[in-house]
Amino acid sequence: MSALGRALGALFGRRARLRWVHLILGGALLMPYWLLAAVFVGPLSGAGGLFDNSAALQFGAYGAALPIVALTALAPMARPLSAAVARPLCGVPPERFADGAVGPARTRAARLRTSAWCTLHFGVGALISGASLALPPFAVSMMIVPFSGSVRHWLGAPEMLARPAALVLAPLAGVAMLLALAAWSAAAGALLARAAPLLLGPTPEDRLAAAERRAAELAERNRLARELHDSVGHALSAVTLQAGAARRVLDSDAPGDVEFVREALAAIEDTARRTVGELDSVLGLLRQGEDDGSSGDRGDFGASGDGGAEAAGGLTGPGLDALDGLLARSGVPVSLTSKGDLAAVPAAVSREAYRIVQEGLSNVLRHAGGPAQAAPAALSVVVGDEKLEITMENPLPGRPGPVRPGGGRGLRGIAERSSLLGGHAEAGPRQGVWRLSAVLPLKGHVR
């Protein structure tokens, strides 16, 4: 496209026309304010009436109307209404506003920005509207000066406009006026399009609130992912290993091992039934679509936080009172040592402790190669005055069990659960055994 074509497109193209409509709308919205201001400015300017054409009344009422616009634009709903009009007419992409959705102005900064926008829109729009009403008829009259004596007489200078030079220059002046109006309108529209995201878009407070919402959503997703991993993942691992062990026993044709197969199948049935209930609980939260109490904080091993109870509060699930059932059907021989009253542990801590033990058992099964090869594990649960200590130990296998492609996420999930409650966890080989330990504070968590 040539430079002339681009210039004409900028002045008369679809975008320029829409922005002109937006400006005219601003001028129309200023009229009630102008009429109100004219009632008070008229007597002071010496005008003969409300519709006197004196410049003092016209521009005096215009200047007095703008502060009234600024004051009324402080209303919270002025912001979304202004943005809804500015987006399509100014040609501003929705993403340049607050993620495409502009809500009511709740903060002082948002209200002041909206006030500035409305004052700019109405003020500039009124000037463009006035020029659009007055200038085109005059420009057209100048363009037909060479062809009409009555027009020259109407313009008030018939003799001067009858001169040869005037007959040539008058049409050119008329065209120049229309081009100047188009250029002025296009420039004003571009100014408003540039100002719209700044004045109607997100304030720093809006950006911070949006970031906090995204952080809360990510924390909730991570929380649900941990629940699915630890409940469903543990169940699937246990069921797979139990089924594999039972199949190997049946293939060996050893009659004395039928009881082992029966126990394995019973454990598979019980684990699957229990896991369906836990899966329904997690899926219910996903369908609910809202966070019932997630804290946005997330830490690493050893990190502390103060929102752990809230982070777990939205989920219901088994706690330490269900520990005996978990150990009985885990497929791993476990000796349990407990001290203190497990029922006195706050519900949020109890649920997280159960998941930590569950993942520890999954880790033992996974790396031992199955129930038949799993060495006895020792679990210690100590309830103190201020903290809950969990320790699980099992002998290191002589030959590592199968490793899942890409590795697992269980140990990281244990670390996240512990840190969200303000505690810490660690896992690794210690003097020939694999040791998992977690310390969870009890203070500050409601039951």
Protein backbone atom coordinates (compact mmCIF):
# COMPACT_ATOMS: atom_id res chain seq x y z
CA MET A 1 0.00 0.00 0.00
CA SER A 2 1.29 3.45 -0.91
CA ALA A 3 2.01 6.17 1.62
CA LEU A 4 -1.05 8.07 0.41
CA GLY A 5 -3.25 5.00 0.89
CA ARG A 6 -1.94 4.47 4.41
CA ALA A 7 -2.52 8.14 5.25
CA LEU A 8 -6.10 8.04 3.95
CA GLY A 9 -6.70 4.78 5.84
CA ALA A 10 -5.46 6.40 9.07
CA LEU A 11 -7.81 9.37 8.54
CA PHE A 12 -10.92 7.66 7.14
CA GLY A 13 -10.50 3.92 7.77
CA ARG A 14 -12.76 1.78 9.92
CA ARG A 15 -10.69 2.25 13.06
CA ALA A 16 -10.66 6.03 12.61
CA ARG A 17 -14.43 6.04 12.10
CA LEU A 18 -15.06 3.97 15.23
CA ARG A 19 -12.84 6.26 17.28
CA TRP A 20 -14.72 9.26 15.89
CA VAL A 21 -17.99 7.67 17.03
CA HIS A 22 -16.43 7.18 20.46
CA LEU A 23 -15.50 10.86 20.60
CA ILE A 24 -18.97 11.94 19.49
CA LEU A 25 -20.43 9.74 22.23
CA GLY A 26 -18.22 11.52 24.76
CA GLY A 27 -19.49 14.88 23.51
CA ALA A 28 -23.08 13.72 23.79
CA LEU A 29 -22.50 12.51 27.36
CA LEU A 30 -21.09 15.92 28.28
CA MET A 31 -24.29 17.75 27.24
CA PRO A 32 -26.26 17.21 30.50
CA TYR A 33 -23.27 18.49 32.46
CA TRP A 34 -22.94 21.47 30.10
CA LEU A 35 -26.60 22.38 30.54
CA LEU A 36 -26.27 22.16 34.33
CA ALA A 37 -23.16 24.33 34.30
CA ALA A 38 -24.74 26.84 31.91
CA VAL A 39 -27.49 27.54 34.43
CA PHE A 40 -24.90 28.93 36.82
CA VAL A 41 -22.38 30.35 34.33
CA GLY A 42 -25.01 32.20 32.22
CA PRO A 43 -25.79 35.00 34.71
CA LEU A 44 -22.09 35.47 35.45
CA SER A 45 -21.16 35.77 31.75
CA GLY A 46 -23.93 38.27 30.96
CA ALA A 47 -25.53 35.93 28.41
CA GLY A 48 -29.03 36.72 27.25
CA GLY A 49 -30.30 33.17 27.73
CA LEU A 50 -29.41 29.52 28.14
CA PHE A 51 -28.87 29.06 24.39
CA ASP A 52 -27.03 32.33 23.80
CA ASN A 53 -24.27 31.87 21.23
CA SER A 54 -21.77 34.00 23.16
CA ALA A 55 -18.31 32.47 23.49
CA ALA A 56 -18.23 33.36 27.19
CA LEU A 57 -21.28 31.18 27.88
CA GLN A 58 -20.24 28.34 25.59
CA PHE A 59 -16.70 27.90 26.87
CA GLY A 60 -17.49 28.97 30.42
CA ALA A 61 -20.11 26.24 30.74
CA TYR A 62 -17.70 23.80 29.08
CA GLY A 63 -14.99 24.57 31.63
CA ALA A 64 -17.42 24.34 34.56
CA ALA A 65 -18.88 21.02 33.35
CA LEU A 66 -15.59 19.11 33.39
CA PRO A 67 -15.13 19.17 37.21
CA ILE A 68 -18.69 17.88 37.58
CA VAL A 69 -17.83 15.02 35.21
CA ALA A 70 -14.71 14.24 37.25
CA LEU A 71 -16.75 14.14 40.44
CA THR A 72 -19.52 11.85 39.16
CA ALA A 73 -16.98 9.53 37.50
CA LEU A 74 -15.71 8.55 40.95
CA ALA A 75 -18.66 6.13 41.14
CA PRO A 76 -17.34 2.51 41.09
CA MET A 77 -19.48 1.44 38.11
CA ALA A 78 -18.09 4.20 35.88
CA ARG A 79 -15.00 2.10 35.27
CA PRO A 80 -16.55 -1.07 33.75
CA LEU A 81 -19.04 1.00 31.72
CA SER A 82 -16.27 3.17 30.29
CA ALA A 83 -14.11 0.14 29.49
CA ALA A 84 -17.02 -1.66 27.82
CA VAL A 85 -17.42 1.27 25.42
CA ALA A 86 -13.71 1.98 24.94
CA ARG A 87 -12.69 -1.58 24.03
CA PRO A 88 -14.64 -1.95 20.77
CA LEU A 89 -14.66 1.70 19.69
CA CYS A 90 -11.05 2.60 20.49
CA GLY A 91 -9.75 -0.68 19.12
CA VAL A 92 -7.86 -1.61 22.32
CA PRO A 93 -7.17 -5.36 22.69
CA PRO A 94 -9.03 -6.80 25.70
CA GLU A 95 -5.85 -8.29 27.16
CA ARG A 96 -4.49 -4.78 27.70
CA PHE A 97 -7.17 -4.32 30.31
CA ALA A 98 -7.33 -6.43 33.48
CA ASP A 99 -7.27 -9.81 31.69
CA GLY A 100 -10.07 -8.57 29.45
CA ALA A 101 -12.46 -7.91 32.37
CA VAL A 102 -12.62 -4.55 34.14
CA GLY A 103 -14.49 -4.56 37.42
CA PRO A 104 -15.88 -1.69 39.49
CA ALA A 105 -13.33 0.77 40.86
CA ARG A 106 -12.86 -0.29 44.46
CA THR A 107 -9.63 1.50 45.34
CA ARG A 108 -8.89 5.21 45.49
CA ALA A 109 -6.32 4.92 42.69
CA ALA A 110 -8.80 3.14 40.40
CA ARG A 111 -11.49 5.76 41.03
CA LEU A 112 -9.12 8.64 40.34
CA ARG A 113 -7.95 7.02 37.11
CA THR A 114 -11.52 6.49 35.99
CA SER A 115 -12.32 10.10 36.82
CA ALA A 116 -9.37 11.27 34.72
CA TRP A 117 -10.48 9.04 31.83
CA CYS A 118 -14.07 10.32 31.81
CA THR A 119 -12.91 13.93 32.01
CA LEU A 120 -10.54 13.36 29.08
CA HIS A 121 -13.10 11.44 27.03
CA PHE A 122 -15.96 13.88 27.58
CA GLY A 123 -13.79 16.98 27.23
CA VAL A 124 -12.02 16.00 24.02
CA GLY A 125 -15.20 14.43 22.67
CA ALA A 126 -17.11 17.67 23.16
CA LEU A 127 -14.50 19.62 21.18
CA ILE A 128 -14.54 17.08 18.34
CA SER A 129 -18.35 17.03 18.38
CA GLY A 130 -18.53 20.81 18.16
CA ALA A 131 -16.03 20.89 15.33
CA SER A 132 -17.85 18.05 13.53
CA LEU A 133 -21.09 20.03 13.68
CA ALA A 134 -19.74 23.46 12.73
CA LEU A 135 -16.80 22.86 10.41
CA PRO A 136 -18.21 20.61 7.63
CA PRO A 137 -21.01 23.02 6.57
CA PHE A 138 -18.55 25.90 6.45
CA ALA A 139 -15.99 23.81 4.55
CA VAL A 140 -18.60 22.71 2.00
CA SER A 141 -19.67 26.33 1.57
CA MET A 142 -16.07 27.29 0.83
CA MET A 143 -15.82 24.51 -1.73
CA ILE A 144 -18.85 25.76 -3.70
CA VAL A 145 -17.91 29.47 -3.50
CA PRO A 146 -16.85 29.56 -7.20
CA PHE A 147 -20.24 28.26 -8.28
CA SER A 148 -22.72 30.19 -6.14
CA GLY A 149 -23.04 33.91 -5.56
CA SER A 150 -25.66 33.34 -2.87
CA VAL A 151 -23.15 31.27 -0.90
CA ARG A 152 -20.58 34.09 -1.19
CA HIS A 153 -23.21 36.49 0.06
CA TRP A 154 -24.15 34.12 2.91
CA LEU A 155 -20.50 33.96 3.97
CA GLY A 156 -20.54 37.75 4.36
CA ALA A 157 -17.79 38.69 1.92
CA PRO A 158 -19.26 38.54 -1.60
CA GLU A 159 -16.82 41.01 -3.15
CA MET A 160 -13.68 39.48 -1.66
CA LEU A 161 -14.73 35.91 -2.47
CA ALA A 162 -15.52 36.95 -6.04
CA ARG A 163 -11.88 37.70 -6.77
CA PRO A 164 -10.06 35.15 -9.01
CA ALA A 165 -7.58 34.18 -6.31
CA ALA A 166 -10.37 33.53 -3.79
CA LEU A 167 -12.31 31.48 -6.32
CA VAL A 168 -9.26 29.18 -6.61
CA LEU A 169 -8.19 29.10 -2.98
CA ALA A 170 -11.61 28.84 -1.34
CA PRO A 171 -12.29 25.22 -2.49
CA LEU A 172 -8.76 24.24 -1.43
CA ALA A 173 -9.35 25.82 1.97
CA GLY A 174 -12.59 23.86 2.34
CA VAL A 175 -10.84 20.57 1.55
CA ALA A 176 -8.03 21.50 3.96
CA MET A 177 -10.58 22.13 6.71
CA LEU A 178 -12.15 18.70 6.28
CA LEU A 179 -8.74 17.02 6.24
CA ALA A 180 -7.72 18.96 9.34
CA LEU A 181 -10.90 17.84 11.11
CA ALA A 182 -10.24 14.21 10.13
CA ALA A 183 -6.62 14.49 11.28
CA TRP A 184 -7.66 16.10 14.56
CA SER A 185 -10.27 13.40 15.15
CA ALA A 186 -7.79 10.61 14.33
CA ALA A 187 -5.16 12.13 16.65
CA ALA A 188 -7.69 12.52 19.48
CA GLY A 189 -8.89 8.93 18.98
CA ALA A 190 -5.33 7.63 19.05
CA LEU A 191 -4.72 9.59 22.27
CA LEU A 192 -7.74 8.00 23.94
CA ALA A 193 -6.77 4.54 22.66
CA ARG A 194 -3.34 4.97 24.22
CA ALA A 195 -4.75 6.34 27.48
CA ALA A 196 -7.50 3.72 27.90
CA PRO A 197 -5.31 0.85 29.18
CA LEU A 198 -3.42 3.24 31.47
CA LEU A 199 -6.51 4.81 33.04
CA LEU A 200 -9.01 1.94 32.81
CA GLY A 201 -6.59 -0.97 32.97
CA PRO A 202 -5.32 -2.67 36.13
CA THR A 203 -3.83 -0.55 38.88
CA PRO A 204 -0.86 -1.88 40.89
CA GLU A 205 -3.38 -3.05 43.50
CA ASP A 206 -5.32 -4.91 40.78
CA ARG A 207 -2.15 -6.59 39.53
CA LEU A 208 -1.22 -7.63 43.06
CA ALA A 209 -4.71 -9.02 43.68
CA ALA A 210 -4.60 -10.93 40.36
CA ALA A 211 -1.18 -12.35 41.25
CA GLU A 212 -2.49 -13.45 44.64
CA ARG A 213 -5.48 -15.12 42.97
CA ARG A 214 -3.20 -16.96 40.55
CA ALA A 215 -0.95 -18.03 43.42
CA ALA A 216 -3.96 -19.30 45.37
CA GLU A 217 -5.20 -21.23 42.32
CA LEU A 218 -1.77 -22.80 41.80
CA ALA A 219 -1.57 -23.70 45.49
CA GLU A 220 -5.00 -25.33 45.25
CA ARG A 221 -4.00 -27.27 42.15
CA ASN A 222 -0.83 -28.46 43.88
CA ARG A 223 -2.84 -29.43 46.95
CA LEU A 224 -5.29 -31.51 44.91
CA ALA A 225 -2.42 -33.03 42.93
CA ARG A 226 -0.82 -34.16 46.19
CA GLU A 227 -4.10 -35.68 47.36
CA LEU A 228 -4.57 -37.56 44.10
CA HIS A 229 -0.96 -38.72 44.09
CA ASP A 230 -0.93 -39.88 47.69
CA SER A 231 -4.36 -41.52 47.80
CA VAL A 232 -4.92 -42.84 44.28
CA GLY A 233 -1.22 -43.27 43.54
CA HIS A 234 -0.67 -45.26 46.72
CA ALA A 235 -3.70 -47.42 46.01
CA LEU A 236 -2.68 -48.17 42.44
CA SER A 237 0.87 -48.99 43.48
CA ALA A 238 -0.35 -51.30 46.24
CA VAL A 239 -2.94 -52.98 44.01
CA THR A 240 -0.43 -53.48 41.20
CA LEU A 241 2.17 -55.00 43.47
CA GLN A 242 -0.33 -57.18 45.33
CA ALA A 243 -1.78 -58.45 42.05
CA GLY A 244 1.69 -59.16 40.68
CA ALA A 245 2.68 -61.07 43.78
CA ALA A 246 -0.54 -63.09 43.69
CA ARG A 247 0.00 -63.93 40.02
CA ARG A 248 3.54 -65.13 40.69
CA VAL A 249 2.30 -67.35 43.54
CA LEU A 250 -0.40 -68.88 41.31
CA ASP A 251 2.14 -69.52 38.56
CA SER A 252 4.37 -71.38 41.02
CA ASP A 253 1.60 -73.99 41.72
CA ALA A 254 2.52 -74.03 45.38
CA PRO A 255 -0.66 -75.10 47.30
CA GLY A 256 0.57 -73.74 50.60
CA ASP A 257 0.57 -70.18 49.24
CA VAL A 258 -3.16 -70.08 48.45
CA GLU A 259 -3.76 -68.24 51.70
CA PHE A 260 -1.32 -65.53 50.58
CA VAL A 261 -3.26 -65.13 47.33
CA ARG A 262 -6.53 -64.88 49.27
CA GLU A 263 -5.11 -62.18 51.51
CA ALA A 264 -3.71 -60.29 48.51
CA LEU A 265 -7.07 -60.31 46.73
CA ALA A 266 -8.85 -59.15 49.89
CA ALA A 267 -6.35 -56.31 50.25
CA ILE A 268 -6.89 -55.34 46.62
CA GLU A 269 -10.67 -55.25 47.10
CA ASP A 270 -10.45 -53.23 50.31
CA THR A 271 -7.92 -50.77 48.87
CA ALA A 272 -9.96 -50.19 45.72
CA ARG A 273 -13.20 -49.61 47.67
CA ARG A 274 -11.55 -47.16 50.06
CA THR A 275 -9.80 -45.28 47.27
CA VAL A 276 -13.05 -44.75 45.35
CA GLY A 277 -14.37 -42.80 48.35
CA GLU A 278 -11.22 -40.69 48.57
CA LEU A 279 -11.29 -40.05 44.83
CA ASP A 280 -14.92 -38.88 45.08
CA SER A 281 -13.86 -36.42 47.80
CA VAL A 282 -11.10 -34.89 45.65
CA LEU A 283 -13.24 -34.78 42.52
CA GLY A 284 -15.99 -33.10 44.53
CA LEU A 285 -13.58 -30.27 45.31
CA LEU A 286 -12.63 -29.99 41.66
CA ARG A 287 -16.28 -29.70 40.68
CA GLN A 288 -16.91 -27.20 43.42
CA GLY A 289 -14.49 -24.84 41.69
CA GLU A 290 -13.60 -22.76 44.75
CA ASP A 291 -10.95 -22.76 47.44
CA ASP A 292 -12.42 -23.33 50.87
CA GLY A 293 -9.30 -22.31 52.74
CA SER A 294 -6.10 -22.59 50.84
CA SER A 295 -3.16 -20.52 51.91
CA GLY A 296 -1.03 -19.37 49.02
CA ASP A 297 2.26 -20.28 50.74
CA ARG A 298 4.41 -23.09 49.65
CA GLY A 299 7.86 -24.05 50.88
CA ASP A 300 10.76 -26.48 50.55
CA PHE A 301 12.28 -29.00 52.93
CA GLY A 302 12.71 -27.34 56.28
CA ALA A 303 10.66 -24.27 55.39
CA SER A 304 8.02 -23.03 57.74
CA GLY A 305 4.61 -21.49 57.12
CA ASP A 306 1.53 -20.48 59.04
CA GLY A 307 -1.27 -21.55 56.72
CA GLY A 308 -1.02 -25.31 56.86
CA ALA A 309 -4.26 -25.99 58.61
CA GLU A 310 -6.10 -23.85 56.13
CA ALA A 311 -4.26 -25.50 53.25
CA ALA A 312 -5.63 -28.85 54.26
CA GLY A 313 -8.94 -27.67 55.63
CA GLY A 314 -10.87 -27.97 52.41
CA LEU A 315 -10.32 -31.72 52.13
CA THR A 316 -11.83 -34.48 54.21
CA GLY A 317 -10.02 -37.74 54.50
CA PRO A 318 -8.63 -40.34 56.88
CA GLY A 319 -6.44 -39.33 59.78
CA LEU A 320 -4.23 -41.07 62.31
CA ASP A 321 -7.26 -42.89 63.71
CA ALA A 322 -7.29 -44.92 60.45
CA LEU A 323 -3.62 -45.82 60.72
CA ASP A 324 -4.20 -49.42 61.84
CA GLY A 325 -6.35 -50.15 58.79
CA LEU A 326 -3.77 -48.59 56.46
CA LEU A 327 -0.95 -50.72 57.90
CA ALA A 328 -3.05 -53.90 57.80
CA ARG A 329 -3.78 -53.64 54.08
CA SER A 330 -0.53 -52.07 52.91
CA GLY A 331 1.11 -55.39 51.99
CA VAL A 332 4.17 -54.48 54.05
CA PRO A 333 4.87 -55.96 57.50
CA VAL A 334 5.05 -52.90 59.76
CA SER A 335 5.74 -52.65 63.48
CA LEU A 336 4.02 -49.57 64.94
CA THR A 337 5.21 -47.71 68.00
CA SER A 338 3.09 -44.80 69.15
CA LYS A 339 3.34 -42.44 72.10
CA GLY A 340 0.80 -39.89 73.16
CA ASP A 341 -2.87 -39.49 72.33
CA LEU A 342 -3.37 -39.70 68.57
CA ALA A 343 -6.96 -38.50 68.96
CA ALA A 344 -5.66 -35.20 70.39
CA VAL A 345 -3.84 -34.32 67.15
CA PRO A 346 -5.63 -31.50 65.25
CA ALA A 347 -7.63 -32.79 62.29
CA ALA A 348 -5.57 -30.94 59.66
CA VAL A 349 -2.29 -32.29 61.06
CA SER A 350 -3.78 -35.77 61.46
CA ARG A 351 -4.82 -35.91 57.80
CA GLU A 352 -1.41 -34.75 56.57
CA ALA A 353 0.35 -37.21 58.88
CA TYR A 354 -1.77 -40.05 57.48
CA ARG A 355 -0.78 -39.09 53.93
CA ILE A 356 2.89 -38.94 54.90
CA VAL A 357 2.75 -42.46 56.35
CA GLN A 358 0.82 -43.64 53.30
CA GLU A 359 3.46 -42.33 50.92
CA GLY A 360 6.21 -43.83 53.06
CA LEU A 361 4.57 -47.25 52.76
CA SER A 362 4.20 -46.78 49.00
CA ASN A 363 7.88 -46.01 48.79
CA VAL A 364 8.76 -49.16 50.74
CA LEU A 365 6.60 -51.34 48.48
CA ARG A 366 7.78 -49.71 45.28
CA HIS A 367 11.48 -50.11 45.93
CA ALA A 368 11.23 -53.52 47.57
CA GLY A 369 9.79 -55.01 44.39
CA GLY A 370 6.46 -56.17 45.84
CA PRO A 371 4.84 -57.53 49.02
CA ALA A 372 6.65 -60.82 48.84
CA GLN A 373 10.06 -59.12 48.83
CA ALA A 374 9.25 -56.25 51.22
CA ALA A 375 11.34 -56.26 54.39
CA PRO A 376 9.67 -55.36 57.69
CA ALA A 377 9.36 -51.65 58.31
CA ALA A 378 9.29 -49.81 61.62
CA LEU A 379 6.96 -46.86 62.14
CA SER A 380 7.13 -44.53 65.12
CA VAL A 381 4.49 -41.87 65.82
CA VAL A 382 5.15 -39.63 68.82
CA VAL A 383 2.64 -36.99 69.92
CA GLY A 384 4.25 -34.31 72.07
CA ASP A 385 2.99 -31.11 73.59
CA GLU A 386 3.94 -28.97 70.60
CA LYS A 387 4.82 -31.31 67.75
CA LEU A 388 4.10 -34.62 66.09
CA GLU A 389 7.10 -36.73 65.06
CA ILE A 390 6.84 -39.45 62.43
CA THR A 391 9.72 -41.81 61.69
CA MET A 392 9.64 -44.76 59.30
CA GLU A 393 12.60 -47.06 58.70
CA ASN A 394 13.07 -50.09 56.46
CA PRO A 395 16.19 -51.98 55.43
CA LEU A 396 17.70 -50.94 52.12
CA PRO A 397 17.02 -53.60 49.45
CA GLY A 398 19.99 -55.49 48.12
CA ARG A 399 18.66 -54.86 44.63
CA PRO A 400 16.75 -51.66 43.81
CA GLY A 401 13.11 -52.07 42.80
CA PRO A 402 11.71 -50.85 39.50
CA VAL A 403 11.89 -47.10 38.95
CA ARG A 404 9.04 -45.29 37.20
CA PRO A 405 9.95 -43.27 34.10
CA GLY A 406 10.55 -39.67 35.08
CA GLY A 407 10.79 -40.51 38.79
CA GLY A 408 8.16 -40.07 41.47
CA ARG A 409 6.76 -37.06 43.29
CA GLY A 410 5.99 -38.65 46.64
CA LEU A 411 8.96 -37.36 48.63
CA ARG A 412 8.47 -33.86 47.28
CA GLY A 413 4.80 -34.08 48.26
CA ILE A 414 5.83 -35.08 51.80
CA ALA A 415 8.12 -32.06 51.96
CA GLU A 416 5.33 -29.75 50.75
CA ARG A 417 2.82 -31.14 53.24
CA SER A 418 5.27 -30.69 56.10
CA SER A 419 6.30 -27.17 55.16
CA LEU A 420 2.70 -26.02 54.70
CA LEU A 421 2.05 -27.03 58.30
CA GLY A 422 5.14 -25.16 59.47
CA GLY A 423 7.27 -28.28 59.92
CA HIS A 424 9.96 -30.08 58.02
CA ALA A 425 10.71 -33.52 56.58
CA GLU A 426 13.71 -35.43 55.29
CA ALA A 427 14.31 -38.82 53.72
CA GLY A 428 17.36 -40.81 52.73
CA PRO A 429 19.67 -43.70 53.63
CA ARG A 430 20.95 -43.78 57.22
CA GLN A 431 23.26 -46.53 58.47
CA GLY A 432 21.93 -49.29 56.24
CA VAL A 433 18.27 -48.32 56.44
CA TRP A 434 16.06 -45.94 54.55
CA ARG A 435 14.66 -43.40 56.99
CA LEU A 436 11.76 -41.04 56.49
CA SER A 437 11.20 -38.49 59.24
CA ALA A 438 8.73 -35.63 59.54
CA VAL A 439 8.12 -33.14 62.31
CA LEU A 440 4.75 -31.34 62.31
CA PRO A 441 3.87 -28.59 64.80
CA LEU A 442 0.61 -28.94 66.71
CA LYS A 443 0.25 -25.39 67.99
CA GLY A 444 -1.86 -22.95 65.99
CA HIS A 445 -3.95 -25.61 64.24
CA VAL A 446 -7.63 -26.09 65.00
CA ARG A 447 -9.17 -29.53 65.11
